[in-house]
Protein backbone atom coordinates (compact mmCIF):
# COMPACT_ATOMS: atom_id res chain seq x y z
CA MET A 1 -20.10 19.87 -10.71
CA ALA A 2 -20.34 16.09 -10.43
CA GLN A 3 -19.53 14.93 -6.88
CA THR A 4 -19.88 11.16 -7.23
CA LEU A 5 -19.08 8.47 -9.76
CA ARG A 6 -22.81 7.83 -10.09
CA ASP A 7 -23.24 11.44 -11.22
CA LEU A 8 -20.61 10.85 -13.89
CA LEU A 9 -21.69 7.32 -14.81
CA PRO A 10 -25.50 7.04 -14.59
CA GLU A 11 -27.00 3.61 -15.06
CA ASP A 12 -28.58 4.32 -18.43
CA LEU A 13 -25.20 5.43 -19.76
CA LEU A 14 -23.63 2.17 -18.55
CA THR A 15 -26.26 0.14 -20.37
CA ARG A 16 -25.78 2.08 -23.61
CA SER A 17 -22.02 2.47 -23.60
CA LEU A 18 -20.37 -0.76 -22.48
CA SER A 19 -19.03 -2.72 -25.41
CA THR A 20 -16.20 -5.10 -26.23
CA LEU A 21 -12.80 -3.96 -25.02
CA ASP A 22 -10.25 -3.35 -27.75
CA LEU A 23 -7.41 -5.64 -26.70
CA PRO A 24 -3.77 -5.31 -27.73
CA ALA A 25 -3.24 -6.68 -31.23
CA VAL A 26 -0.47 -9.13 -32.13
CA GLU A 27 1.35 -6.22 -33.74
CA ALA A 28 1.62 -4.44 -30.37
CA TRP A 29 3.93 -6.93 -28.69
CA PRO A 30 7.09 -6.30 -30.77
CA SER A 31 7.03 -2.76 -29.34
CA VAL A 32 7.94 -4.10 -25.90
CA PRO A 33 11.49 -2.88 -25.14
CA ALA A 34 14.16 -5.52 -25.68
CA SER A 35 15.30 -5.34 -22.05
CA ASP A 36 11.76 -5.99 -20.77
CA ARG A 37 11.30 -8.83 -23.24
CA ALA A 38 14.57 -10.50 -22.22
CA ALA A 39 13.80 -10.18 -18.50
CA LEU A 40 10.28 -11.58 -18.87
CA LEU A 41 11.35 -14.53 -20.97
CA ALA A 42 14.18 -15.39 -18.57
CA ASP A 43 11.70 -15.27 -15.69
CA ALA A 44 9.24 -17.48 -17.56
CA GLU A 45 11.93 -20.00 -18.55
CA ALA A 46 13.10 -20.29 -14.94
CA GLN A 47 9.58 -21.10 -13.78
CA LEU A 48 8.92 -23.48 -16.67
CA ALA A 49 11.90 -25.55 -15.52
CA THR A 50 10.16 -26.23 -12.18
CA THR A 51 7.12 -28.29 -11.29
CA TRP A 52 3.84 -26.53 -10.59
CA PRO A 53 3.43 -25.70 -6.89
CA VAL A 54 1.16 -27.99 -4.88
CA LEU A 55 -1.49 -26.66 -2.49
CA LEU A 56 -2.11 -28.91 0.51
CA ALA A 57 -5.07 -28.97 2.86
CA SER A 58 -2.65 -29.35 5.77
CA ASP A 59 -0.95 -26.10 4.76
CA TYR A 60 -4.31 -24.34 4.47
CA ALA A 61 -5.14 -25.53 8.00
CA ARG A 62 -1.87 -24.19 9.43
CA PHE A 63 -3.33 -20.70 9.61
CA HIS A 64 -6.19 -21.84 11.86
CA ARG A 65 -3.96 -24.07 13.98
CA GLU A 66 -0.70 -22.12 14.16
CA GLY A 67 -1.34 -18.68 12.63
CA ASP A 68 1.03 -19.38 9.71
CA ARG A 69 -0.01 -17.67 6.46
CA ASP A 70 3.10 -18.21 4.37
CA ARG A 71 3.04 -22.00 4.05
CA TYR A 72 -0.13 -21.89 1.93
CA GLU A 73 0.15 -18.42 0.42
CA THR A 74 3.62 -19.00 -1.06
CA PRO A 75 2.61 -21.76 -3.51
CA TYR A 76 -0.80 -20.10 -4.00
CA PHE A 77 0.72 -16.87 -5.30
CA ALA A 78 3.51 -18.72 -7.14
CA ARG A 79 0.86 -20.48 -9.26
CA ARG A 80 -0.74 -17.22 -10.24
CA ARG A 81 2.54 -15.49 -10.96
CA ARG A 82 3.57 -18.36 -13.23
CA ILE A 83 0.33 -18.08 -15.19
CA VAL A 84 1.04 -14.39 -15.77
CA THR A 85 4.66 -14.89 -16.86
CA SER A 86 3.84 -17.81 -19.16
CA ALA A 87 0.93 -15.87 -20.68
CA LEU A 88 3.23 -12.92 -21.35
CA ALA A 89 5.82 -15.26 -22.87
CA ALA A 90 3.11 -16.62 -25.18
CA LEU A 91 2.14 -13.10 -26.23
CA LEU A 92 5.76 -12.10 -26.80
CA THR A 93 6.82 -15.18 -28.75
CA GLY A 94 3.70 -16.85 -30.14
CA GLU A 95 5.14 -20.20 -29.03
CA LYS A 96 2.58 -22.90 -28.21
CA ARG A 97 4.61 -24.32 -25.31
CA TRP A 98 3.72 -21.25 -23.28
CA ILE A 99 0.01 -21.69 -24.01
CA ALA A 100 0.29 -25.28 -22.80
CA ASP A 101 1.87 -24.12 -19.55
CA VAL A 102 -0.83 -21.49 -19.05
CA VAL A 103 -3.55 -24.09 -19.58
CA ASP A 104 -1.93 -26.37 -17.01
CA GLY A 105 -1.99 -23.49 -14.54
CA ILE A 106 -5.59 -22.55 -15.33
CA TRP A 107 -6.83 -26.08 -14.70
CA LEU A 108 -4.87 -26.31 -11.46
CA VAL A 109 -6.38 -23.05 -10.24
CA CYS A 110 -9.88 -24.04 -11.35
CA ASP A 111 -9.51 -27.29 -9.39
CA GLU A 112 -8.71 -25.46 -6.15
CA ALA A 113 -11.30 -25.99 -3.46
CA THR A 114 -11.35 -22.25 -2.83
CA TRP A 115 -9.68 -19.14 -4.21
CA THR A 116 -9.91 -17.46 -0.81
CA ILE A 117 -6.71 -17.54 1.25
CA PRO A 118 -6.94 -19.02 4.77
CA ALA A 119 -6.61 -15.68 6.56
CA HIS A 120 -9.71 -14.41 4.75
CA ALA A 121 -11.85 -17.56 4.95
CA SER A 122 -14.58 -15.97 7.05
CA SER A 123 -17.07 -18.83 6.63
CA ALA A 124 -14.65 -21.43 8.00
CA THR A 125 -13.54 -19.04 10.73
CA ALA A 126 -17.15 -18.49 11.81
CA ARG A 127 -17.55 -22.27 12.15
CA GLY A 128 -14.29 -22.58 14.05
CA GLU A 129 -12.95 -24.84 11.31
CA ALA A 130 -9.54 -24.97 9.64
CA LEU A 131 -10.74 -25.81 6.13
CA PRO A 132 -13.36 -24.39 3.74
CA ARG A 133 -16.46 -26.31 2.79
CA PRO A 134 -18.07 -26.64 -0.63
CA GLY A 135 -20.53 -23.80 -1.01
CA ASP A 136 -18.59 -21.27 1.08
CA ARG A 137 -18.79 -17.90 -0.63
CA ASP A 138 -16.00 -15.69 0.65
CA LEU A 139 -15.24 -13.05 -1.96
CA ASP A 140 -11.92 -11.76 -0.65
CA LEU A 141 -9.10 -9.85 -2.34
CA PHE A 142 -7.51 -12.88 -3.92
CA CYS A 143 -10.64 -14.71 -4.96
CA ALA A 144 -11.49 -11.57 -6.94
CA GLU A 145 -7.88 -11.18 -8.15
CA THR A 146 -7.88 -14.78 -9.39
CA GLY A 147 -11.08 -14.14 -11.30
CA GLY A 148 -9.56 -11.01 -12.83
CA LEU A 149 -6.41 -12.90 -13.82
CA LEU A 150 -8.36 -15.65 -15.58
CA ALA A 151 -10.57 -13.10 -17.32
CA TRP A 152 -7.52 -11.30 -18.73
CA VAL A 153 -5.84 -14.54 -19.81
CA ASP A 154 -9.03 -15.71 -21.51
CA ALA A 155 -9.29 -12.39 -23.37
CA LEU A 156 -5.65 -12.16 -24.45
CA LEU A 157 -4.80 -15.72 -25.43
CA GLU A 158 -6.26 -18.15 -27.96
CA LEU A 159 -7.31 -20.90 -25.60
CA ASP A 160 -9.18 -24.10 -26.39
CA THR A 161 -12.95 -24.13 -25.94
CA ALA A 162 -12.94 -26.45 -22.93
CA THR A 163 -10.52 -24.21 -21.03
CA ARG A 164 -12.49 -21.09 -21.85
CA LEU A 165 -15.71 -22.73 -20.66
CA ARG A 166 -13.97 -23.79 -17.47
CA ILE A 167 -12.80 -20.24 -16.83
CA ALA A 168 -16.23 -18.75 -17.47
CA THR A 169 -17.93 -21.30 -15.23
CA GLU A 170 -15.55 -20.95 -12.30
CA VAL A 171 -15.37 -17.15 -12.42
CA ASP A 172 -19.14 -16.93 -12.51
CA ARG A 173 -19.56 -19.42 -9.65
CA ARG A 174 -16.90 -18.00 -7.39
CA VAL A 175 -16.91 -14.28 -8.20
CA LEU A 176 -19.75 -12.80 -10.25
CA THR A 177 -22.76 -14.67 -8.88
CA PRO A 178 -21.77 -14.25 -5.22
CA PHE A 179 -21.18 -10.54 -5.83
CA LEU A 180 -24.65 -10.12 -7.37
CA GLU A 181 -26.45 -12.19 -4.74
CA ILE A 182 -24.73 -11.01 -1.55
CA ARG A 183 -24.79 -7.30 -0.79
CA ASP A 184 -23.50 -7.11 2.78
CA TRP A 185 -19.85 -7.91 2.18
CA PRO A 186 -17.76 -6.71 5.14
CA TRP A 187 -15.47 -4.74 2.80
CA LEU A 188 -18.53 -2.88 1.55
CA THR A 189 -20.58 -2.37 4.70
CA ARG A 190 -18.34 -2.74 7.78
CA PHE A 191 -14.99 -1.24 6.84
CA THR A 192 -13.67 0.90 4.01
CA ASN A 193 -10.09 0.50 2.88
CA ASN A 194 -8.14 -0.91 -0.07
CA TRP A 195 -10.31 -4.05 -0.13
CA ASN A 196 -13.19 -2.10 -1.67
CA PRO A 197 -11.49 -0.78 -4.84
CA TRP A 198 -9.17 -3.76 -5.21
CA ILE A 199 -12.06 -6.22 -5.31
CA HIS A 200 -14.20 -3.92 -7.45
CA SER A 201 -11.41 -3.51 -10.00
CA ASN A 202 -11.28 -7.27 -10.53
CA LEU A 203 -15.05 -7.57 -10.63
CA THR A 204 -14.99 -5.00 -13.43
CA ALA A 205 -12.43 -7.06 -15.36
CA CYS A 206 -14.54 -10.22 -14.91
CA ALA A 207 -17.69 -8.45 -16.12
CA VAL A 208 -16.17 -6.56 -19.05
CA LEU A 209 -13.96 -9.39 -20.32
CA LEU A 210 -16.03 -12.51 -19.56
CA GLU A 211 -19.72 -11.74 -19.08
CA ARG A 212 -21.62 -12.25 -22.36
CA ASP A 213 -25.04 -11.04 -21.18
CA PRO A 214 -25.08 -7.23 -21.68
CA ALA A 215 -27.73 -6.65 -19.02
CA ARG A 216 -25.88 -8.72 -16.43
CA ARG A 217 -22.58 -7.06 -17.34
CA ALA A 218 -24.12 -3.62 -16.87
CA LYS A 219 -25.63 -4.72 -13.53
CA VAL A 220 -22.25 -5.81 -12.17
CA VAL A 221 -20.62 -2.58 -13.31
CA SER A 222 -23.45 -0.50 -11.85
CA LEU A 223 -22.94 -2.15 -8.45
CA VAL A 224 -19.21 -1.55 -8.79
CA ILE A 225 -19.86 2.17 -9.31
CA ASP A 226 -22.05 2.29 -6.22
CA GLY A 227 -19.38 0.44 -4.24
CA LEU A 228 -16.60 2.75 -5.37
CA ASP A 229 -18.70 5.72 -4.34
CA VAL A 230 -18.81 4.23 -0.83
CA PHE A 231 -15.02 4.15 -0.91
CA LEU A 232 -14.56 7.64 -2.38
CA ASP A 233 -17.15 9.16 -0.03
CA SER A 234 -15.01 7.99 2.89
CA TYR A 235 -11.78 9.22 1.34
CA PRO A 236 -10.34 12.56 2.52
CA ASP A 237 -10.51 15.54 0.19
CA ASP A 238 -6.73 15.93 0.39
CA GLY A 239 -6.22 12.56 -1.35
CA GLY A 240 -4.21 11.10 1.52
CA CYS A 241 -4.14 7.35 2.16
CA ASP A 242 -3.95 6.59 5.88
CA GLU A 243 -2.85 3.03 5.02
CA GLY A 244 0.33 4.37 3.41
CA ALA A 245 1.95 4.40 0.00
CA SER A 246 2.03 0.63 -0.60
CA TYR A 247 -1.67 0.31 0.15
CA TRP A 248 -2.39 3.30 -2.08
CA THR A 249 -1.37 1.06 -4.98
CA ARG A 250 -4.46 -1.07 -4.25
CA ALA A 251 -6.65 1.81 -3.08
CA GLY A 252 -6.39 4.86 -5.34
CA GLY A 253 -4.47 2.73 -7.82
CA ALA A 254 -7.30 0.20 -8.04
CA VAL A 255 -9.85 2.98 -8.60
CA ALA A 256 -7.73 3.91 -11.62
CA ASP A 257 -7.73 0.27 -12.79
CA THR A 258 -11.52 0.24 -12.73
CA LEU A 259 -12.08 3.61 -14.36
CA GLY A 260 -9.45 2.96 -17.00
CA LEU A 261 -11.10 -0.31 -17.97
CA LEU A 262 -14.54 1.30 -18.19
CA TYR A 263 -13.14 4.20 -20.23
CA ASP A 264 -11.47 1.81 -22.67
CA ALA A 265 -14.47 -0.52 -22.91
CA SER A 266 -16.74 2.37 -23.88
CA GLY A 267 -14.54 4.29 -26.25
CA GLY A 268 -14.21 7.04 -23.66
CA LYS A 269 -17.95 7.47 -23.08
CA LEU A 270 -17.69 6.13 -19.52
CA ASP A 271 -15.34 8.67 -17.99
CA GLY A 272 -15.25 8.67 -14.20
CA PHE A 273 -11.93 10.47 -13.98
CA GLY A 274 -13.71 13.78 -13.44
CA HIS A 275 -14.46 12.88 -9.82
CA PRO A 276 -13.13 15.80 -7.73
CA LYS A 277 -11.07 13.61 -5.40
CA LEU A 278 -9.11 11.83 -8.11
CA ARG A 279 -6.51 14.50 -8.83
CA PRO A 280 -5.46 14.73 -5.15
CA ILE A 281 -5.43 10.92 -5.07
CA ALA A 282 -3.16 10.92 -8.13
CA ALA A 283 -0.76 13.35 -6.45
CA TYR A 284 -0.42 11.31 -3.24
CA LEU A 285 2.08 8.63 -4.28
CA PRO A 286 4.58 11.08 -5.85
CA ALA A 287 4.27 13.27 -2.76
CA MET A 288 5.29 10.35 -0.51
CA HIS A 289 8.32 9.44 -2.63
CA ILE A 290 11.72 9.96 -1.04
CA ASP A 291 14.10 8.55 -3.66
CA ASP A 292 14.55 5.39 -5.69
CA ARG A 293 12.40 2.71 -3.96
CA TRP A 294 12.11 4.64 -0.66
CA TYR A 295 8.78 6.15 0.39
CA VAL A 296 7.45 7.90 3.46
CA ASN A 297 5.83 5.08 5.39
CA PHE A 298 3.47 4.97 8.32
CA ALA A 299 1.20 2.16 9.60
CA ASP A 300 1.79 -1.24 7.97
CA CYS A 301 3.26 0.36 4.86
CA PRO A 302 6.80 -0.84 4.06
CA ALA A 303 9.47 1.78 3.44
CA GLN A 304 10.28 0.41 -0.01
CA LEU A 305 8.03 -0.33 -2.99
CA GLY A 306 9.19 -2.57 -5.82
CA ASP A 307 6.27 -3.18 -8.19
CA PRO A 308 6.79 -1.65 -11.66
CA SER A 309 3.22 -2.45 -12.71
CA VAL A 310 1.97 0.32 -10.38
CA ALA A 311 3.24 2.64 -13.12
CA TYR A 312 0.24 1.94 -15.34
CA PRO A 313 -2.69 2.96 -13.06
CA LEU A 314 -0.67 5.90 -11.76
CA TYR A 315 0.03 7.04 -15.32
CA ARG A 316 -3.65 6.70 -16.28
CA LEU A 317 -4.60 8.87 -13.31
CA GLY A 318 -1.96 11.41 -14.29
CA VAL A 319 -3.22 11.57 -17.86
CA HIS A 320 -6.94 11.74 -17.13
CA THR A 321 -6.68 14.17 -14.19
CA ASP A 322 -3.88 16.22 -15.75
CA GLU A 323 -1.62 15.67 -12.73
CA PRO A 324 1.98 15.94 -14.05
CA SER A 325 3.61 14.60 -10.87
CA ALA A 326 1.72 11.32 -11.34
CA ARG A 327 2.81 10.96 -14.96
CA HIS A 328 6.43 11.73 -14.14
CA HIS A 329 6.53 9.40 -11.14
CA ALA A 330 4.90 6.60 -13.14
CA ARG A 331 7.73 6.79 -15.65
CA ALA A 332 10.29 6.72 -12.84
CA ILE A 333 8.67 3.60 -11.36
CA LYS A 334 8.74 1.88 -14.76
CA ARG A 335 12.46 2.62 -15.18
CA ARG A 336 13.44 0.74 -12.01
CA ASP A 337 15.01 -2.68 -12.48
CA ASP A 338 12.49 -4.58 -10.36
CA PRO A 339 10.88 -7.81 -11.66
CA LEU A 340 8.19 -6.80 -14.15
CA VAL A 341 5.79 -9.38 -12.74
CA PRO A 342 5.45 -8.77 -8.97
CA TRP A 343 4.73 -11.44 -6.39
CA ILE A 344 1.02 -10.61 -6.46
CA PRO A 345 0.51 -9.64 -10.11
CA SER A 346 -2.48 -8.02 -11.76
CA MET A 347 -2.45 -9.05 -15.41
CA GLY A 348 -4.09 -5.90 -16.77
CA ARG A 349 -1.54 -3.69 -15.00
CA VAL A 350 1.44 -5.66 -16.24
CA VAL A 351 0.17 -5.59 -19.83
CA GLY A 352 -0.53 -1.87 -19.61
CA THR A 353 2.91 -1.15 -18.15
CA LEU A 354 4.60 -3.10 -20.96
CA LEU A 355 2.63 -1.56 -23.82
CA GLU A 356 1.80 2.01 -22.77
CA PRO A 357 4.00 4.24 -24.97
CA GLY A 358 3.54 7.19 -22.62
CA LEU A 359 5.58 5.37 -19.99
CA ARG A 360 8.53 5.36 -22.37
CA SER A 361 8.38 9.06 -23.24
CA GLU A 362 9.94 11.96 -21.37
CA GLU A 363 8.30 14.97 -19.77
CA SER A 364 9.87 17.86 -17.92
CA SER A 365 9.43 17.47 -14.19
CA THR A 366 9.48 19.80 -11.25
CA ARG A 367 11.23 19.09 -7.97
CA ALA A 368 8.86 17.68 -5.34
CA SER A 369 7.82 20.34 -2.87
CA THR A 370 6.33 20.36 0.60
CA THR A 371 3.04 18.47 0.93
CA TRP A 372 0.56 19.19 3.70
CA LEU A 373 -2.47 16.89 3.90
CA PRO A 374 -4.75 18.57 6.48
CA ASP A 375 -7.44 15.88 6.46
CA THR A 376 -5.07 12.92 6.70
CA GLU A 377 -2.78 14.95 8.99
CA VAL A 378 0.50 14.14 7.26
CA LEU A 379 3.20 16.69 6.44
CA VAL A 380 6.14 15.96 4.13
CA ALA A 381 8.76 18.72 3.90
CA ARG A 382 11.94 18.86 1.86
CA SER A 383 15.08 20.98 1.83
CA ASP A 384 18.34 20.60 -0.10
CA ARG A 385 19.39 17.23 1.35
CA LEU A 386 16.76 16.52 3.98
CA LEU A 387 13.23 15.20 4.07
CA VAL A 388 11.01 15.04 7.13
CA ALA A 389 7.52 13.59 7.44
CA LEU A 390 5.30 14.08 10.49
CA LYS A 391 1.93 12.48 11.15
CA GLY A 392 -0.99 13.25 13.42
CA GLY A 393 -4.18 11.27 12.94
CA HIS A 394 -5.45 8.70 15.41
CA ASN A 395 -4.77 5.17 16.58
CA ALA A 396 -7.56 3.35 14.76
CA GLU A 397 -6.49 4.07 11.20
CA SER A 398 -6.51 1.29 8.63
CA HIS A 399 -3.49 -0.99 9.21
CA ASN A 400 -2.91 1.15 12.29
CA HIS A 401 0.21 1.50 14.38
CA ASN A 402 0.16 3.46 17.63
CA ASP A 403 2.15 6.30 16.13
CA VAL A 404 0.40 9.64 16.59
CA GLY A 405 3.06 12.34 16.35
CA SER A 406 5.79 10.09 14.95
CA PHE A 407 8.13 11.30 12.20
CA VAL A 408 10.75 10.07 9.75
CA VAL A 409 13.88 11.83 8.52
CA ALA A 410 15.84 11.03 5.35
CA VAL A 411 19.20 12.32 4.16
CA ASP A 412 20.11 12.26 0.49
CA GLY A 413 17.18 9.99 -0.23
CA VAL A 414 17.82 7.37 2.49
CA PRO A 415 15.68 7.16 5.68
CA ARG A 416 17.78 7.53 8.84
CA VAL A 417 15.11 8.16 11.50
CA VAL A 418 12.69 5.49 10.40
CA ASP A 419 9.36 3.74 10.68
CA LEU A 420 10.05 0.02 10.52
CA GLY A 421 6.73 -0.89 8.89
CA VAL A 422 5.34 -4.36 9.48
CA GLY A 423 6.76 -7.87 9.54
CA THR A 424 5.38 -10.97 7.87
CA TYR A 425 1.63 -11.25 8.24
CA THR A 426 0.41 -13.95 10.59
CA ARG A 427 -2.87 -14.57 12.39
CA GLN A 428 -1.67 -12.27 15.19
CA THR A 429 -1.24 -9.32 12.81
CA PHE A 430 -4.99 -8.78 12.51
CA SER A 431 -6.11 -10.15 15.85
CA ALA A 432 -6.81 -8.80 19.31
CA ASP A 433 -3.12 -9.44 20.05
CA ARG A 434 -1.92 -7.13 17.24
CA TYR A 435 -0.38 -4.58 19.58
CA GLN A 436 1.80 -7.16 21.27
CA ILE A 437 3.89 -7.02 18.08
CA PHE A 438 6.70 -4.57 18.76
CA THR A 439 6.50 -2.81 15.38
CA MET A 440 2.96 -1.69 16.22
CA GLN A 441 3.88 -0.08 19.54
CA SER A 442 4.61 3.60 20.10
CA ASP A 443 7.79 2.67 22.00
CA TYR A 444 9.19 1.49 18.65
CA HIS A 445 8.24 4.68 16.86
CA ASN A 446 9.80 8.10 17.22
CA LEU A 447 7.76 9.16 20.22
CA PRO A 448 7.93 9.84 23.94
CA GLN A 449 6.96 7.42 26.68
CA ILE A 450 5.32 9.49 29.40
CA ASN A 451 5.12 8.39 33.04
CA GLY A 452 6.03 4.90 31.86
CA LEU A 453 2.98 4.80 29.56
CA SER A 454 2.80 4.36 25.80
CA GLN A 455 0.07 5.17 23.31
CA PRO A 456 -2.90 2.75 23.27
CA ALA A 457 -4.93 1.70 20.23
CA GLY A 458 -8.32 3.25 19.57
CA ARG A 459 -10.03 6.08 17.73
CA GLU A 460 -10.21 8.10 20.94
CA PHE A 461 -6.39 8.33 21.06
CA HIS A 462 -5.63 11.07 18.59
CA ALA A 463 -3.71 14.24 17.83
CA ARG A 464 -5.21 17.59 18.69
CA GLY A 465 -5.05 20.67 16.53
CA MET A 466 -2.41 19.64 13.99
CA SER A 467 -1.55 22.55 11.70
CA ALA A 468 1.19 23.52 9.28
CA ASP A 469 2.65 26.72 7.86
CA VAL A 470 4.56 26.61 4.59
CA SER A 471 6.67 29.45 3.20
CA GLU A 472 9.48 29.64 0.66
CA THR A 473 12.15 29.51 3.37
CA GLU A 474 10.62 27.55 6.23
CA VAL A 475 8.05 24.87 7.03
CA SER A 476 6.59 24.43 10.47
CA SER A 477 3.97 22.19 12.04
CA ARG A 478 2.58 21.68 15.49
CA LEU A 479 0.24 19.27 17.24
CA ASP A 480 -0.74 18.28 20.75
CA LEU A 481 -0.04 14.62 21.63
CA ALA A 482 -1.85 14.64 24.97
CA GLY A 483 -4.95 12.97 23.56
CA ALA A 484 -2.90 10.08 22.15
CA TYR A 485 -1.95 8.85 25.64
CA PRO A 486 -4.11 7.34 28.40
CA ALA A 487 -5.51 9.57 31.11
CA GLU A 488 -3.24 7.80 33.62
CA ALA A 489 -0.25 9.51 31.96
CA GLY A 490 -1.48 12.75 33.57
CA ILE A 491 -0.87 14.99 30.56
CA ARG A 492 -2.42 18.44 30.36
CA SER A 493 -0.66 19.20 27.07
CA TRP A 494 2.24 17.80 25.07
CA ASN A 495 2.98 20.06 22.13
CA ARG A 496 5.30 18.79 19.43
CA GLU A 497 6.58 21.40 16.98
CA LEU A 498 8.55 20.78 13.82
CA VAL A 499 10.51 23.52 12.10
CA MET A 500 12.44 22.91 8.89
CA SER A 501 14.63 25.33 7.02
CA ARG A 502 18.11 24.07 6.13
CA SER A 503 17.96 21.72 9.14
CA ILE A 504 15.14 20.16 11.14
CA GLU A 505 14.18 20.90 14.74
CA ILE A 506 11.68 18.87 16.77
CA THR A 507 10.65 20.57 20.02
CA ASP A 508 8.46 18.96 22.69
CA THR A 509 6.89 21.23 25.31
CA TRP A 510 4.80 19.63 28.03
CA GLU A 511 2.65 20.33 31.02
CA LEU A 512 1.72 17.45 33.28
CA GLN A 513 -0.60 17.25 36.25
CA ASP A 514 2.19 16.15 38.61
CA THR A 515 5.90 15.46 38.66
CA PRO A 516 6.40 12.46 36.36
CA ARG A 517 7.98 9.14 37.34
CA SER A 518 9.86 9.04 34.05
CA LEU A 519 10.12 10.78 30.69
CA VAL A 520 11.72 8.88 27.81
CA TRP A 521 12.05 9.62 24.10
CA HIS A 522 12.69 6.91 21.50
CA LEU A 523 14.19 7.21 18.03
CA ILE A 524 14.50 4.23 15.67
CA VAL A 525 17.49 4.86 13.41
CA ASN A 526 19.03 3.19 10.37
CA GLY A 527 22.79 3.41 9.92
CA SER A 528 26.09 3.21 11.73
CA ILE A 529 26.17 4.98 15.11
CA ALA A 530 28.84 7.28 16.54
CA GLY A 531 28.63 10.14 18.97
CA GLU A 532 29.43 11.97 22.16
CA ASP A 533 27.39 13.87 24.74
CA GLY A 534 24.97 16.14 22.95
CA SER A 535 25.38 14.66 19.49
CA VAL A 536 24.74 11.38 17.70
CA LEU A 537 25.86 10.62 14.16
CA VAL A 538 23.68 8.12 12.30
CA ASP A 539 25.67 7.61 9.13
CA ASP A 540 25.19 10.98 7.38
CA LEU A 541 22.59 12.37 9.80
CA SER A 542 23.67 14.41 12.81
CA ILE A 543 21.26 14.48 15.76
CA SER A 544 21.92 17.15 18.37
CA TYR A 545 20.28 17.21 21.82
CA ASP A 546 20.73 18.94 25.15
CA ALA A 547 22.98 16.60 27.12
CA GLY A 548 22.28 18.65 30.22
CA LYS A 549 18.62 17.63 30.05
CA LEU A 550 18.81 14.19 28.44
CA SER A 551 20.95 11.10 28.90
CA LEU A 552 21.33 8.71 25.97
CA SER A 553 21.50 4.94 25.80
CA VAL A 554 21.98 3.07 22.53
CA GLU A 555 20.08 -0.18 22.09
CA PRO A 556 20.81 -2.50 19.13
CA LEU A 557 17.53 -3.79 17.76
CA PRO A 558 18.09 -7.12 15.98
CA LEU A 559 15.65 -7.95 13.18
CA THR A 560 14.83 -11.51 12.15
CA ASP A 561 11.60 -11.20 10.19
CA PRO A 562 12.41 -11.53 6.46
CA ARG A 563 10.00 -8.77 5.51
CA LEU A 564 11.90 -6.37 7.76
CA THR A 565 15.42 -7.60 7.01
CA ALA A 566 14.80 -7.26 3.27
CA ILE A 567 14.56 -3.49 3.83
CA TRP A 568 16.61 -2.72 6.93
CA GLY A 569 19.10 -5.56 7.17
CA GLU A 570 19.66 -7.59 10.32
CA GLN A 571 19.76 -4.69 12.77
CA VAL A 572 18.60 -1.14 13.38
CA THR A 573 19.15 0.90 16.54
CA ARG A 574 16.84 2.38 19.13
CA LEU A 575 18.13 5.57 20.71
CA VAL A 576 16.66 6.04 24.19
CA PHE A 577 16.81 9.55 25.65
CA SER A 578 15.87 9.87 29.33
CA ALA A 579 15.11 13.10 31.18
CA ARG A 580 17.77 13.84 33.81
CA SER A 581 15.44 16.10 35.78
CA LEU A 582 11.78 15.19 36.13
CA THR A 583 9.54 18.26 36.17
CA PRO A 584 5.80 18.64 35.53
CA SER A 585 6.51 21.15 32.76
CA GLY A 586 9.43 21.57 30.43
CA THR A 587 10.86 21.69 26.94
CA THR A 588 13.36 19.62 25.01
CA ARG A 589 14.66 20.07 21.49
CA MET A 590 16.43 17.85 18.98
CA ALA A 591 18.04 19.10 15.79
CA PHE A 592 18.70 17.01 12.67
CA SER A 593 21.11 17.97 9.91
CA GLY A 594 22.91 16.25 7.07
CA VAL A 595 26.68 15.85 7.17
CA ARG A 596 29.17 14.89 4.48
CA ASN A 597 30.93 11.64 5.22
CA PRO A 598 34.62 11.64 4.32
């Protein structure tokens, strides 16, 4: 059985099989549903009525000087989104005014000093400078994404010769040639996360859609295959994404983008979907779904996803790996009323989502069941109204939070015991000061603070012995949190056990070296709060605890970051449970159940 993409896609097959991609014909576009067409054209008209965003050197420099990413990234991504919407309007209507707007956008983008965003400008950072220099070659996510966007626009629209030459020249200079000449990219050799497949998916689009030299095209694709094998070799057999559901869309989802493009550009001869890890990868996103836009979220992953274009790569994975949950969930994503062109759009995905007839068909679905990912150490269990997710892992995961042993609870599809996710990215987010941000700290996850100490960052701080047992009537899991805390906490063992049947119980049993100075448990909750000794009501979730052992204080937690308030509103609550009696060994239990609000 083939174990790697290289086994499935040998170099001689690449050379023989790559050909011109069959692009959607003019006749395909009237099949776009009327509601999608109306929404896209309204979006495009609204943008056409505005001036093109301006990118300023002073805004680029703000990241270096102040840590601000948004000032430059907002107009940067707005330009690219407008190109996508105007291109789609041109394809839907055939009107020349949309082509003219696309060409204006293309020339603006091609005139940019760099396609690399300031936070990823490693050459300037290495020099200690705020601005890029001519000749810097920093092939980051969005340099590659820009190349992929221009390649798709060039392939789909009838552009003038000068514009097409400009696209080909700039994509070659900024994307293809650097990729061929530099082989020690950090995202290939120093870390392995969503950067690898996301960049490789756009390199594939540039090669297949723009590169005219067959030998050079095959060389780029061959290197892409080798690079994706690096990514897949590092990926767990259970298909879990330690970065979370939103990053899966650019991890496993981007692998699907690449393999789908190669499959289509070879008439099915280049079929990498037989890789043994792809079916578990396809099943991951549906397994993390709670309801509507809500997903189980750990690390930097937000609790809500709102990008309909994810439907296309997920559907392709579901079709080619015969994973029905992926196909069904892809259709559900497509049916949501989110903007069809997301803030960071990938043109090939949006086109596929609009035109794929399989996304408009129906297929019988089965109710999501319990998912246990033993390699990733994530359990998601469901009962009639409740969902609980528990994580183990370690504190050096990609986009890590210090959250070993944390859990989330949802009632009727809405998270009540929650993981806040991450706020707006700044320079601090990916710096040595990352863990000064409160959302990264274990005290703002659903975890104990032991002897006044919280979990530190680092691979050495990890869960021990996480396991799960799943039956038709009950799900249980247990893990030891002792290794996730510093030695100074004096923990011999701290066993956390989850049991779910019709309700959820979380039991902590500990043995410490000495009598502790303090023992505190935190829960971050979403909803209105009411309660009395021994019970807290968080909207429709009842939390019971032993008031003889624990005292409770309720702390409002105001939120100001727009990325957090968009999901949680202006405030959540931190419940702080403190041990009344401090003993070196003990047990405490909390029970969670759904209630019906009058």
